[in-house]
Amino acid sequence: MSTAVGYAAVAGQVVLVGAGAPVVTGWMRQVRARLEGRAGAGVLQPWRDARKLLRKEPITPVGTGPAFRTAPALLVATTAVAAALVPLLSTDTPVSSHADLILVVALIALGTMALALAGLDTGTAFGGMGASREMTVAALVEPTILLSVFALSIPAGTTNIPAIVSGAAHEPARLASPAGLLATAALAVAVLAETGRIPVDNPSTHLELTMIHEAMVLEYAGPDLALVELGAQMRLTLLLGLLSSLFVPWGIATGSSWVALGVALVLFAAKICLLGAVLAAAEVFWAKVRLFRVPELLAGSFLLALLAVTASYFLSGVS
């Protein structure tokens, strides 16, 4: 891919995830509101909330250290770097050779760890409780993401995500195989858990006995809270994009054409809107599972990912 188109693709991915994430969240809330018989606040409401928070005075609790102050910026920064690496619009960019599976998962885990440390840094009961729960979930989610994508990397012969996506686009049979279907199910559950969605967590509740993510960020206010919310929205958009790129890779640009890049942008927006609408609709009919049942759910997704890796290994050996 030419340098100009390649850098435009990287910039487009970061801008789409950064600026489009609040819109995706607003779209999901609007879909859910309509299904529940409410009018909804509008698709752009998350941006209005962010503007309101940015105008407020930043407040830091007494006794907190660097972990609390740097966590919001670190969460947004790691997600932005991961968005530049994951092939959301193109598989051939100047950073494609660095887009390794382990690196992307490590960036996502770094943001999670930063928020957990911030929750512990406050010294409050809710912060410590939320951090403990978040790390328990992360201990099962991160290996599931690794194994799910690794199952697709075995036929491709590499853990480079753009190469995996490109190979899947040219050989759709990989996705329709038992390994592909198992990996899809496992990664879908992992995305729900990583982004704190129902049935693992409820992002719209502040009930102290059930919340996970919200418990870690209760002490944030003003611009810091705006960054935390933006980071969570970016992670949701990024992981939905990763899911669509891996299992619905068609439309992603593989050449040096500006037209192909434009088509990829439109199709990416359409796929994310569709996935967001499906997730929002499912949350209307799903109930949040009990906190003590969450490890069982995540262990089941890990088992599916492990079965996907085993099936992919044997199918590759047979072929």
C-alpha atoms as a PDB file:
ATOM      1  CA  MET A   1       0.000   0.000   0.000  1.00  0.00           C
ATOM      2  CA  SER A   2       1.269   3.474  -0.814  1.00  0.00           C
ATOM      3  CA  THR A   3       2.547   5.522   2.097  1.00  0.00           C
ATOM      4  CA  ALA A   4      -0.197   8.147   1.861  1.00  0.00           C
ATOM      5  CA  VAL A   5      -3.058   5.639   1.798  1.00  0.00           C
ATOM      6  CA  GLY A   6      -1.440   3.560   4.533  1.00  0.00           C
ATOM      7  CA  TYR A   7      -1.029   6.478   6.923  1.00  0.00           C
ATOM      8  CA  ALA A   8      -4.545   7.663   6.071  1.00  0.00           C
ATOM      9  CA  ALA A   9      -5.868   4.228   7.021  1.00  0.00           C
ATOM     10  CA  VAL A  10      -4.064   4.320  10.382  1.00  0.00           C
ATOM     11  CA  ALA A  11      -5.277   7.851  11.100  1.00  0.00           C
ATOM     12  CA  GLY A  12      -8.794   6.918  10.007  1.00  0.00           C
ATOM     13  CA  GLN A  13      -8.878   3.949  12.381  1.00  0.00           C
ATOM     14  CA  VAL A  14      -7.780   6.044  15.357  1.00  0.00           C
ATOM     15  CA  VAL A  15     -10.199   8.876  14.536  1.00  0.00           C
ATOM     16  CA  LEU A  16     -13.073   6.459  13.943  1.00  0.00           C
ATOM     17  CA  VAL A  17     -12.555   4.720  17.275  1.00  0.00           C
ATOM     18  CA  GLY A  18     -11.895   7.961  19.174  1.00  0.00           C
ATOM     19  CA  ALA A  19     -14.603  10.184  17.715  1.00  0.00           C
ATOM     20  CA  GLY A  20     -17.074   7.453  16.791  1.00  0.00           C
ATOM     21  CA  ALA A  21     -17.037   5.562  20.095  1.00  0.00           C
ATOM     22  CA  PRO A  22     -19.442   7.952  21.892  1.00  0.00           C
ATOM     23  CA  VAL A  23     -21.741   7.817  18.873  1.00  0.00           C
ATOM     24  CA  VAL A  24     -21.732   4.005  18.986  1.00  0.00           C
ATOM     25  CA  THR A  25     -22.621   4.116  22.678  1.00  0.00           C
ATOM     26  CA  GLY A  26     -25.387   6.641  21.984  1.00  0.00           C
ATOM     27  CA  TRP A  27     -26.686   4.472  19.143  1.00  0.00           C
ATOM     28  CA  MET A  28     -26.849   1.426  21.411  1.00  0.00           C
ATOM     29  CA  ARG A  29     -28.654   3.379  24.122  1.00  0.00           C
ATOM     30  CA  GLN A  30     -31.104   4.707  21.557  1.00  0.00           C
ATOM     31  CA  VAL A  31     -31.835   1.226  20.192  1.00  0.00           C
ATOM     32  CA  ARG A  32     -32.381  -0.084  23.685  1.00  0.00           C
ATOM     33  CA  ALA A  33     -34.623   2.855  24.577  1.00  0.00           C
ATOM     34  CA  ARG A  34     -36.802   2.302  21.512  1.00  0.00           C
ATOM     35  CA  LEU A  35     -37.187  -1.387  22.272  1.00  0.00           C
ATOM     36  CA  GLU A  36     -38.189  -0.518  25.844  1.00  0.00           C
ATOM     37  CA  GLY A  37     -40.818   1.980  24.622  1.00  0.00           C
ATOM     38  CA  ARG A  38     -38.847   5.119  25.544  1.00  0.00           C
ATOM     39  CA  ALA A  39     -37.890   8.063  23.328  1.00  0.00           C
ATOM     40  CA  GLY A  40     -34.211   8.015  24.262  1.00  0.00           C
ATOM     41  CA  ALA A  41     -31.786  10.903  24.703  1.00  0.00           C
ATOM     42  CA  GLY A  42     -30.391  10.809  21.171  1.00  0.00           C
ATOM     43  CA  VAL A  43     -27.351   9.318  19.533  1.00  0.00           C
ATOM     44  CA  LEU A  44     -25.108  12.307  20.382  1.00  0.00           C
ATOM     45  CA  GLN A  45     -25.932  12.370  24.102  1.00  0.00           C
ATOM     46  CA  PRO A  46     -22.573  10.813  25.161  1.00  0.00           C
ATOM     47  CA  TRP A  47     -20.774  13.695  23.422  1.00  0.00           C
ATOM     48  CA  ARG A  48     -22.985  16.185  25.268  1.00  0.00           C
ATOM     49  CA  ASP A  49     -22.155  14.454  28.550  1.00  0.00           C
ATOM     50  CA  ALA A  50     -18.438  14.616  27.745  1.00  0.00           C
ATOM     51  CA  ARG A  51     -18.674  18.331  26.933  1.00  0.00           C
ATOM     52  CA  LYS A  52     -20.431  18.952  30.251  1.00  0.00           C
ATOM     53  CA  LEU A  53     -17.787  17.012  32.198  1.00  0.00           C
ATOM     54  CA  LEU A  54     -14.913  18.806  30.448  1.00  0.00           C
ATOM     55  CA  ARG A  55     -16.266  22.147  31.673  1.00  0.00           C
ATOM     56  CA  LYS A  56     -16.193  21.062  35.308  1.00  0.00           C
ATOM     57  CA  GLU A  57     -13.312  21.474  37.703  1.00  0.00           C
ATOM     58  CA  PRO A  58     -11.019  18.422  38.031  1.00  0.00           C
ATOM     59  CA  ILE A  59     -11.115  17.039  41.552  1.00  0.00           C
ATOM     60  CA  THR A  60      -8.593  14.550  42.949  1.00  0.00           C
ATOM     61  CA  PRO A  61      -9.377  12.726  46.211  1.00  0.00           C
ATOM     62  CA  VAL A  62      -7.000  13.337  49.098  1.00  0.00           C
ATOM     63  CA  GLY A  63      -4.336  10.670  49.471  1.00  0.00           C
ATOM     64  CA  THR A  64      -4.318   9.427  45.883  1.00  0.00           C
ATOM     65  CA  GLY A  65      -1.077   9.116  43.954  1.00  0.00           C
ATOM     66  CA  PRO A  66       0.121   8.953  40.341  1.00  0.00           C
ATOM     67  CA  ALA A  67      -1.803   5.739  39.637  1.00  0.00           C
ATOM     68  CA  PHE A  68      -5.126   7.517  40.087  1.00  0.00           C
ATOM     69  CA  ARG A  69      -4.146  10.620  38.115  1.00  0.00           C
ATOM     70  CA  THR A  70      -2.577   8.869  35.124  1.00  0.00           C
ATOM     71  CA  ALA A  71      -5.092   6.020  34.691  1.00  0.00           C
ATOM     72  CA  PRO A  72      -7.662   7.915  32.528  1.00  0.00           C
ATOM     73  CA  ALA A  73      -5.053   9.153  30.042  1.00  0.00           C
ATOM     74  CA  LEU A  74      -3.355   5.746  29.980  1.00  0.00           C
ATOM     75  CA  LEU A  75      -6.669   4.011  29.288  1.00  0.00           C
ATOM     76  CA  VAL A  76      -7.388   6.266  26.292  1.00  0.00           C
ATOM     77  CA  ALA A  77      -3.790   6.110  25.021  1.00  0.00           C
ATOM     78  CA  THR A  78      -3.510   2.303  25.076  1.00  0.00           C
ATOM     79  CA  THR A  79      -6.856   1.955  23.316  1.00  0.00           C
ATOM     80  CA  ALA A  80      -5.831   4.478  20.653  1.00  0.00           C
ATOM     81  CA  VAL A  81      -2.574   2.599  19.986  1.00  0.00           C
ATOM     82  CA  ALA A  82      -4.465  -0.695  19.752  1.00  0.00           C
ATOM     83  CA  ALA A  83      -6.911   0.947  17.321  1.00  0.00           C
ATOM     84  CA  ALA A  84      -3.981   1.947  15.116  1.00  0.00           C
ATOM     85  CA  LEU A  85      -2.696  -1.641  15.086  1.00  0.00           C
ATOM     86  CA  VAL A  86      -5.913  -3.633  14.593  1.00  0.00           C
ATOM     87  CA  PRO A  87      -6.921  -3.841  10.886  1.00  0.00           C
ATOM     88  CA  LEU A  88     -10.277  -2.091  11.068  1.00  0.00           C
ATOM     89  CA  LEU A  89     -10.033  -0.419   7.640  1.00  0.00           C
ATOM     90  CA  SER A  90      -6.960  -1.931   5.996  1.00  0.00           C
ATOM     91  CA  THR A  91      -4.667  -4.941   6.372  1.00  0.00           C
ATOM     92  CA  ASP A  92      -1.714  -3.169   4.737  1.00  0.00           C
ATOM     93  CA  THR A  93      -0.567  -0.158   6.730  1.00  0.00           C
ATOM     94  CA  PRO A  94       2.852   1.105   7.888  1.00  0.00           C
ATOM     95  CA  VAL A  95       2.222  -0.485  11.309  1.00  0.00           C
ATOM     96  CA  SER A  96       0.770  -3.796  10.089  1.00  0.00           C
ATOM     97  CA  SER A  97       3.983  -5.687  10.772  1.00  0.00           C
ATOM     98  CA  HIS A  98       3.778  -4.679  14.452  1.00  0.00           C
ATOM     99  CA  ALA A  99       0.114  -5.671  14.914  1.00  0.00           C
ATOM    100  CA  ASP A 100       0.828  -8.884  16.769  1.00  0.00           C
ATOM    101  CA  LEU A 101      -1.943 -10.615  18.692  1.00  0.00           C
ATOM    102  CA  ILE A 102      -0.012 -10.649  21.967  1.00  0.00           C
ATOM    103  CA  LEU A 103       0.835  -6.939  21.694  1.00  0.00           C
ATOM    104  CA  VAL A 104      -2.799  -5.923  21.098  1.00  0.00           C
ATOM    105  CA  VAL A 105      -4.071  -8.024  24.016  1.00  0.00           C
ATOM    106  CA  ALA A 106      -1.284  -6.627  26.215  1.00  0.00           C
ATOM    107  CA  LEU A 107      -2.374  -3.067  25.390  1.00  0.00           C
ATOM    108  CA  ILE A 108      -5.962  -3.881  26.316  1.00  0.00           C
ATOM    109  CA  ALA A 109      -4.807  -5.539  29.545  1.00  0.00           C
ATOM    110  CA  LEU A 110      -2.619  -2.523  30.377  1.00  0.00           C
ATOM    111  CA  GLY A 111      -5.664  -0.251  30.321  1.00  0.00           C
ATOM    112  CA  THR A 112      -7.558  -2.665  32.548  1.00  0.00           C
ATOM    113  CA  MET A 113      -4.669  -2.845  35.010  1.00  0.00           C
ATOM    114  CA  ALA A 114      -4.368   0.959  35.089  1.00  0.00           C
ATOM    115  CA  LEU A 115      -8.018   1.334  36.107  1.00  0.00           C
ATOM    116  CA  ALA A 116      -7.685  -1.415  38.710  1.00  0.00           C
ATOM    117  CA  LEU A 117      -4.657   0.316  40.253  1.00  0.00           C
ATOM    118  CA  ALA A 118      -6.592   3.597  40.251  1.00  0.00           C
ATOM    119  CA  GLY A 119      -9.434   1.905  42.125  1.00  0.00           C
ATOM    120  CA  LEU A 120      -6.995   0.565  44.713  1.00  0.00           C
ATOM    121  CA  ASP A 121      -5.207   3.921  44.963  1.00  0.00           C
ATOM    122  CA  THR A 122      -8.320   5.639  46.301  1.00  0.00           C
ATOM    123  CA  GLY A 123      -8.296   3.461  49.411  1.00  0.00           C
ATOM    124  CA  THR A 124     -12.091   3.161  49.416  1.00  0.00           C
ATOM    125  CA  ALA A 125     -14.028  -0.040  49.934  1.00  0.00           C
ATOM    126  CA  PHE A 126     -15.821   0.291  46.597  1.00  0.00           C
ATOM    127  CA  GLY A 127     -12.594   0.968  44.709  1.00  0.00           C
ATOM    128  CA  GLY A 128     -10.864  -2.078  46.150  1.00  0.00           C
ATOM    129  CA  MET A 129     -13.922  -4.257  45.585  1.00  0.00           C
ATOM    130  CA  GLY A 130     -14.246  -3.148  41.957  1.00  0.00           C
ATOM    131  CA  ALA A 131     -10.523  -3.631  41.289  1.00  0.00           C
ATOM    132  CA  SER A 132     -10.622  -7.135  42.752  1.00  0.00           C
ATOM    133  CA  ARG A 133     -13.634  -8.089  40.650  1.00  0.00           C
ATOM    134  CA  GLU A 134     -12.166  -6.518  37.505  1.00  0.00           C
ATOM    135  CA  MET A 135      -8.908  -8.441  37.793  1.00  0.00           C
ATOM    136  CA  THR A 136     -10.806 -11.667  38.428  1.00  0.00           C
ATOM    137  CA  VAL A 137     -12.721 -11.134  35.197  1.00  0.00           C
ATOM    138  CA  ALA A 138      -9.562 -10.081  33.330  1.00  0.00           C
ATOM    139  CA  ALA A 139      -7.728 -13.229  34.435  1.00  0.00           C
ATOM    140  CA  LEU A 140     -10.275 -15.274  32.467  1.00  0.00           C
ATOM    141  CA  VAL A 141     -11.036 -12.846  29.625  1.00  0.00           C
ATOM    142  CA  GLU A 142      -7.522 -12.070  28.383  1.00  0.00           C
ATOM    143  CA  PRO A 143      -6.542 -15.756  27.870  1.00  0.00           C
ATOM    144  CA  THR A 144      -9.869 -16.319  26.097  1.00  0.00           C
ATOM    145  CA  ILE A 145      -9.174 -13.490  23.642  1.00  0.00           C
ATOM    146  CA  LEU A 146      -5.683 -14.860  23.043  1.00  0.00           C
ATOM    147  CA  LEU A 147      -6.863 -18.401  22.396  1.00  0.00           C
ATOM    148  CA  SER A 148      -9.819 -17.326  20.231  1.00  0.00           C
ATOM    149  CA  VAL A 149      -7.639 -15.371  17.832  1.00  0.00           C
ATOM    150  CA  PHE A 150      -4.867 -17.971  18.098  1.00  0.00           C
ATOM    151  CA  ALA A 151      -7.313 -20.572  16.774  1.00  0.00           C
ATOM    152  CA  LEU A 152      -7.581 -18.476  13.599  1.00  0.00           C
ATOM    153  CA  SER A 153      -3.835 -17.881  13.489  1.00  0.00           C
ATOM    154  CA  ILE A 154      -2.993 -21.598  13.156  1.00  0.00           C
ATOM    155  CA  PRO A 155      -4.220 -21.876   9.520  1.00  0.00           C
ATOM    156  CA  ALA A 156      -2.590 -18.513   8.734  1.00  0.00           C
ATOM    157  CA  GLY A 157       0.722 -19.607  10.267  1.00  0.00           C
ATOM    158  CA  THR A 158       1.239 -16.308  12.092  1.00  0.00           C
ATOM    159  CA  THR A 159      -0.060 -14.323  15.049  1.00  0.00           C
ATOM    160  CA  ASN A 160      -0.014 -11.107  13.010  1.00  0.00           C
ATOM    161  CA  ILE A 161      -3.642  -9.913  13.050  1.00  0.00           C
ATOM    162  CA  PRO A 162      -3.647  -8.235   9.587  1.00  0.00           C
ATOM    163  CA  ALA A 163      -2.278 -11.457   8.076  1.00  0.00           C
ATOM    164  CA  ILE A 164      -4.976 -13.481   9.857  1.00  0.00           C
ATOM    165  CA  VAL A 165      -7.718 -11.142   8.604  1.00  0.00           C
ATOM    166  CA  SER A 166      -6.341 -11.143   5.055  1.00  0.00           C
ATOM    167  CA  GLY A 167      -6.146 -14.937   5.007  1.00  0.00           C
ATOM    168  CA  ALA A 168      -9.692 -15.294   6.318  1.00  0.00           C
ATOM    169  CA  ALA A 169     -10.996 -12.879   3.671  1.00  0.00           C
ATOM    170  CA  HIS A 170      -9.439 -14.967   0.892  1.00  0.00           C
ATOM    171  CA  GLU A 171     -10.434 -18.324   2.443  1.00  0.00           C
ATOM    172  CA  PRO A 172     -13.924 -17.966   3.977  1.00  0.00           C
ATOM    173  CA  ALA A 173     -14.023 -21.698   4.712  1.00  0.00           C
ATOM    174  CA  ARG A 174     -11.813 -21.033   7.739  1.00  0.00           C
ATOM    175  CA  LEU A 175     -14.585 -19.040   9.386  1.00  0.00           C
ATOM    176  CA  ALA A 176     -17.258 -21.640   8.649  1.00  0.00           C
ATOM    177  CA  SER A 177     -15.176 -24.453  10.129  1.00  0.00           C
ATOM    178  CA  PRO A 178     -15.874 -25.845  13.620  1.00  0.00           C
ATOM    179  CA  ALA A 179     -12.804 -24.017  14.927  1.00  0.00           C
ATOM    180  CA  GLY A 180     -14.018 -20.726  13.469  1.00  0.00           C
ATOM    181  CA  LEU A 181     -17.494 -21.077  14.954  1.00  0.00           C
ATOM    182  CA  LEU A 182     -16.147 -22.003  18.388  1.00  0.00           C
ATOM    183  CA  ALA A 183     -13.701 -19.104  18.298  1.00  0.00           C
ATOM    184  CA  THR A 184     -16.521 -16.716  17.339  1.00  0.00           C
ATOM    185  CA  ALA A 185     -18.640 -17.767  20.310  1.00  0.00           C
ATOM    186  CA  ALA A 186     -15.717 -17.590  22.734  1.00  0.00           C
ATOM    187  CA  LEU A 187     -14.567 -14.166  21.568  1.00  0.00           C
ATOM    188  CA  ALA A 188     -18.128 -12.785  21.659  1.00  0.00           C
ATOM    189  CA  VAL A 189     -18.475 -13.713  25.344  1.00  0.00           C
ATOM    190  CA  ALA A 190     -15.004 -12.302  26.068  1.00  0.00           C
ATOM    191  CA  VAL A 191     -15.950  -8.992  24.416  1.00  0.00           C
ATOM    192  CA  LEU A 192     -19.082  -8.758  26.592  1.00  0.00           C
ATOM    193  CA  ALA A 193     -17.028  -9.332  29.729  1.00  0.00           C
ATOM    194  CA  GLU A 194     -14.137  -7.038  28.738  1.00  0.00           C
ATOM    195  CA  THR A 195     -16.497  -4.149  28.003  1.00  0.00           C
ATOM    196  CA  GLY A 196     -18.668  -4.684  31.089  1.00  0.00           C
ATOM    197  CA  ARG A 197     -21.906  -5.460  29.276  1.00  0.00           C
ATOM    198  CA  ILE A 198     -24.863  -7.615  30.289  1.00  0.00           C
ATOM    199  CA  PRO A 199     -24.868 -10.484  31.332  1.00  0.00           C
ATOM    200  CA  VAL A 200     -21.463  -9.956  33.018  1.00  0.00           C
ATOM    201  CA  ASP A 201     -21.924  -6.364  34.200  1.00  0.00           C
ATOM    202  CA  ASN A 202     -24.512  -3.629  33.804  1.00  0.00           C
ATOM    203  CA  PRO A 203     -22.973  -0.300  32.695  1.00  0.00           C
ATOM    204  CA  SER A 204     -26.089   1.654  33.668  1.00  0.00           C
ATOM    205  CA  THR A 205     -26.297   0.580  37.313  1.00  0.00           C
ATOM    206  CA  HIS A 206     -24.664   1.899  40.460  1.00  0.00           C
ATOM    207  CA  LEU A 207     -25.865  -0.853  42.790  1.00  0.00           C
ATOM    208  CA  GLU A 208     -22.804  -1.456  44.929  1.00  0.00           C
ATOM    209  CA  LEU A 209     -23.397  -5.183  45.329  1.00  0.00           C
ATOM    210  CA  THR A 210     -23.240  -5.914  41.591  1.00  0.00           C
ATOM    211  CA  MET A 211     -21.143  -3.249  39.854  1.00  0.00           C
ATOM    212  CA  ILE A 212     -17.635  -4.031  38.627  1.00  0.00           C
ATOM    213  CA  HIS A 213     -16.344  -1.300  36.314  1.00  0.00           C
ATOM    214  CA  GLU A 214     -18.318   1.525  37.910  1.00  0.00           C
ATOM    215  CA  ALA A 215     -16.944   0.701  41.364  1.00  0.00           C
ATOM    216  CA  MET A 216     -13.396   1.530  40.217  1.00  0.00           C
ATOM    217  CA  VAL A 217     -14.281   4.966  38.810  1.00  0.00           C
ATOM    218  CA  LEU A 218     -16.668   6.311  41.472  1.00  0.00           C
ATOM    219  CA  GLU A 219     -14.038   8.808  42.708  1.00  0.00           C
ATOM    220  CA  TYR A 220     -13.453  10.386  39.297  1.00  0.00           C
ATOM    221  CA  ALA A 221     -15.082  13.688  38.345  1.00  0.00           C
ATOM    222  CA  GLY A 222     -14.875  16.357  35.674  1.00  0.00           C
ATOM    223  CA  PRO A 223     -12.374  15.931  32.816  1.00  0.00           C
ATOM    224  CA  ASP A 224     -10.893  12.767  34.357  1.00  0.00           C
ATOM    225  CA  LEU A 225     -14.327  11.120  34.363  1.00  0.00           C
ATOM    226  CA  ALA A 226     -14.815  12.237  30.752  1.00  0.00           C
ATOM    227  CA  LEU A 227     -11.576  10.466  29.798  1.00  0.00           C
ATOM    228  CA  VAL A 228     -12.565   7.314  31.684  1.00  0.00           C
ATOM    229  CA  GLU A 229     -15.927   7.172  29.930  1.00  0.00           C
ATOM    230  CA  LEU A 230     -14.321   7.892  26.554  1.00  0.00           C
ATOM    231  CA  GLY A 231     -11.788   5.124  27.164  1.00  0.00           C
ATOM    232  CA  ALA A 232     -14.534   2.617  28.007  1.00  0.00           C
ATOM    233  CA  GLN A 233     -16.487   3.623  24.901  1.00  0.00           C
ATOM    234  CA  MET A 234     -13.359   3.322  22.745  1.00  0.00           C
ATOM    235  CA  ARG A 235     -12.658  -0.166  24.081  1.00  0.00           C
ATOM    236  CA  LEU A 236     -16.199  -1.239  23.219  1.00  0.00           C
ATOM    237  CA  THR A 237     -15.864   0.093  19.663  1.00  0.00           C
ATOM    238  CA  LEU A 238     -12.382  -1.400  19.263  1.00  0.00           C
ATOM    239  CA  LEU A 239     -13.403  -4.875  20.423  1.00  0.00           C
ATOM    240  CA  LEU A 240     -16.549  -4.853  18.275  1.00  0.00           C
ATOM    241  CA  GLY A 241     -14.308  -3.821  15.373  1.00  0.00           C
ATOM    242  CA  LEU A 242     -11.859  -6.619  16.146  1.00  0.00           C
ATOM    243  CA  LEU A 243     -14.736  -9.099  16.235  1.00  0.00           C
ATOM    244  CA  SER A 244     -16.063  -7.893  12.880  1.00  0.00           C
ATOM    245  CA  SER A 245     -12.609  -7.814  11.267  1.00  0.00           C
ATOM    246  CA  LEU A 246     -11.803 -11.366  12.321  1.00  0.00           C
ATOM    247  CA  PHE A 247     -15.111 -13.028  11.518  1.00  0.00           C
ATOM    248  CA  VAL A 248     -16.644 -10.710   8.886  1.00  0.00           C
ATOM    249  CA  PRO A 249     -13.461  -9.497   7.150  1.00  0.00           C
ATOM    250  CA  TRP A 250     -15.018  -8.692   3.787  1.00  0.00           C
ATOM    251  CA  GLY A 251     -14.793  -5.056   2.763  1.00  0.00           C
ATOM    252  CA  ILE A 252     -11.495  -4.325   4.513  1.00  0.00           C
ATOM    253  CA  ALA A 253      -9.042  -2.689   2.106  1.00  0.00           C
ATOM    254  CA  THR A 254      -6.091  -4.837   1.022  1.00  0.00           C
ATOM    255  CA  GLY A 255      -4.707  -2.596  -1.738  1.00  0.00           C
ATOM    256  CA  SER A 256      -3.501   0.958  -2.285  1.00  0.00           C
ATOM    257  CA  SER A 257      -6.775   2.359  -3.594  1.00  0.00           C
ATOM    258  CA  TRP A 258      -8.457   5.368  -2.017  1.00  0.00           C
ATOM    259  CA  VAL A 259     -11.781   4.008  -3.237  1.00  0.00           C
ATOM    260  CA  ALA A 260     -11.214   0.717  -1.407  1.00  0.00           C
ATOM    261  CA  LEU A 261     -10.355   2.641   1.750  1.00  0.00           C
ATOM    262  CA  GLY A 262     -13.544   4.685   1.455  1.00  0.00           C
ATOM    263  CA  VAL A 263     -15.634   1.550   0.948  1.00  0.00           C
ATOM    264  CA  ALA A 264     -13.931  -0.031   3.975  1.00  0.00           C
ATOM    265  CA  LEU A 265     -14.823   2.997   6.089  1.00  0.00           C
ATOM    266  CA  VAL A 266     -18.501   2.832   5.134  1.00  0.00           C
ATOM    267  CA  LEU A 267     -18.694  -0.937   5.669  1.00  0.00           C
ATOM    268  CA  PHE A 268     -16.901  -0.676   9.008  1.00  0.00           C
ATOM    269  CA  ALA A 269     -19.444   1.880  10.226  1.00  0.00           C
ATOM    270  CA  ALA A 270     -22.289  -0.337   9.006  1.00  0.00           C
ATOM    271  CA  LYS A 271     -20.889  -3.461  10.704  1.00  0.00           C
ATOM    272  CA  ILE A 272     -20.313  -1.658  14.009  1.00  0.00           C
ATOM    273  CA  CYS A 273     -23.824  -0.174  13.944  1.00  0.00           C
ATOM    274  CA  LEU A 274     -25.268  -3.615  13.249  1.00  0.00           C
ATOM    275  CA  LEU A 275     -23.269  -5.312  16.004  1.00  0.00           C
ATOM    276  CA  GLY A 276     -24.147  -2.512  18.425  1.00  0.00           C
ATOM    277  CA  ALA A 277     -27.846  -2.794  17.602  1.00  0.00           C
ATOM    278  CA  VAL A 278     -27.782  -6.585  18.051  1.00  0.00           C
ATOM    279  CA  LEU A 279     -25.992  -6.238  21.393  1.00  0.00           C
ATOM    280  CA  ALA A 280     -28.378  -3.527  22.602  1.00  0.00           C
ATOM    281  CA  ALA A 281     -31.399  -5.595  21.561  1.00  0.00           C
ATOM    282  CA  ALA A 282     -30.017  -8.664  23.326  1.00  0.00           C
ATOM    283  CA  GLU A 283     -29.483  -6.697  26.534  1.00  0.00           C
ATOM    284  CA  VAL A 284     -33.193  -5.876  26.632  1.00  0.00           C
ATOM    285  CA  PHE A 285     -34.037  -9.574  26.933  1.00  0.00           C
ATOM    286  CA  TRP A 286     -30.991 -10.746  28.898  1.00  0.00           C
ATOM    287  CA  ALA A 287     -30.642 -10.578  32.666  1.00  0.00           C
ATOM    288  CA  LYS A 288     -27.390  -9.972  34.477  1.00  0.00           C
ATOM    289  CA  VAL A 289     -26.043 -13.188  35.936  1.00  0.00           C
ATOM    290  CA  ARG A 290     -25.163 -13.385  39.617  1.00  0.00           C
ATOM    291  CA  LEU A 291     -21.652 -12.208  40.367  1.00  0.00           C
ATOM    292  CA  PHE A 292     -20.593 -15.630  41.608  1.00  0.00           C
ATOM    293  CA  ARG A 293     -21.767 -17.192  38.342  1.00  0.00           C
ATOM    294  CA  VAL A 294     -19.618 -14.895  36.191  1.00  0.00           C
ATOM    295  CA  PRO A 295     -16.457 -17.059  36.546  1.00  0.00           C
ATOM    296  CA  GLU A 296     -18.469 -20.072  35.380  1.00  0.00           C
ATOM    297  CA  LEU A 297     -19.615 -18.179  32.282  1.00  0.00           C
ATOM    298  CA  LEU A 298     -16.097 -16.984  31.496  1.00  0.00           C
ATOM    299  CA  ALA A 299     -14.617 -20.412  32.165  1.00  0.00           C
ATOM    300  CA  GLY A 300     -17.099 -21.784  29.628  1.00  0.00           C
ATOM    301  CA  SER A 301     -15.935 -19.263  27.032  1.00  0.00           C
ATOM    302  CA  PHE A 302     -12.325 -20.179  27.781  1.00  0.00           C
ATOM    303  CA  LEU A 303     -13.175 -23.827  27.203  1.00  0.00           C
ATOM    304  CA  LEU A 304     -14.775 -22.943  23.858  1.00  0.00           C
ATOM    305  CA  ALA A 305     -11.605 -21.084  22.867  1.00  0.00           C
ATOM    306  CA  LEU A 306      -9.476 -24.039  23.909  1.00  0.00           C
ATOM    307  CA  LEU A 307     -11.651 -26.380  21.851  1.00  0.00           C
ATOM    308  CA  ALA A 308     -11.325 -23.975  18.910  1.00  0.00           C
ATOM    309  CA  VAL A 309      -7.529 -24.120  19.130  1.00  0.00           C
ATOM    310  CA  THR A 310      -7.606 -27.923  19.325  1.00  0.00           C
ATOM    311  CA  ALA A 311      -9.985 -28.217  16.372  1.00  0.00           C
ATOM    312  CA  SER A 312      -7.930 -25.759  14.330  1.00  0.00           C
ATOM    313  CA  TYR A 313      -4.735 -27.674  15.079  1.00  0.00           C
ATOM    314  CA  PHE A 314      -6.184 -31.012  14.007  1.00  0.00           C
ATOM    315  CA  LEU A 315      -7.862 -29.569  10.912  1.00  0.00           C
ATOM    316  CA  SER A 316      -4.598 -27.931   9.875  1.00  0.00           C
ATOM    317  CA  GLY A 317      -2.793 -31.217  10.446  1.00  0.00           C
ATOM    318  CA  VAL A 318      -5.309 -33.108   8.331  1.00  0.00           C
ATOM    319  CA  SER A 319      -5.151 -30.595   5.488  1.00  0.00           C
END
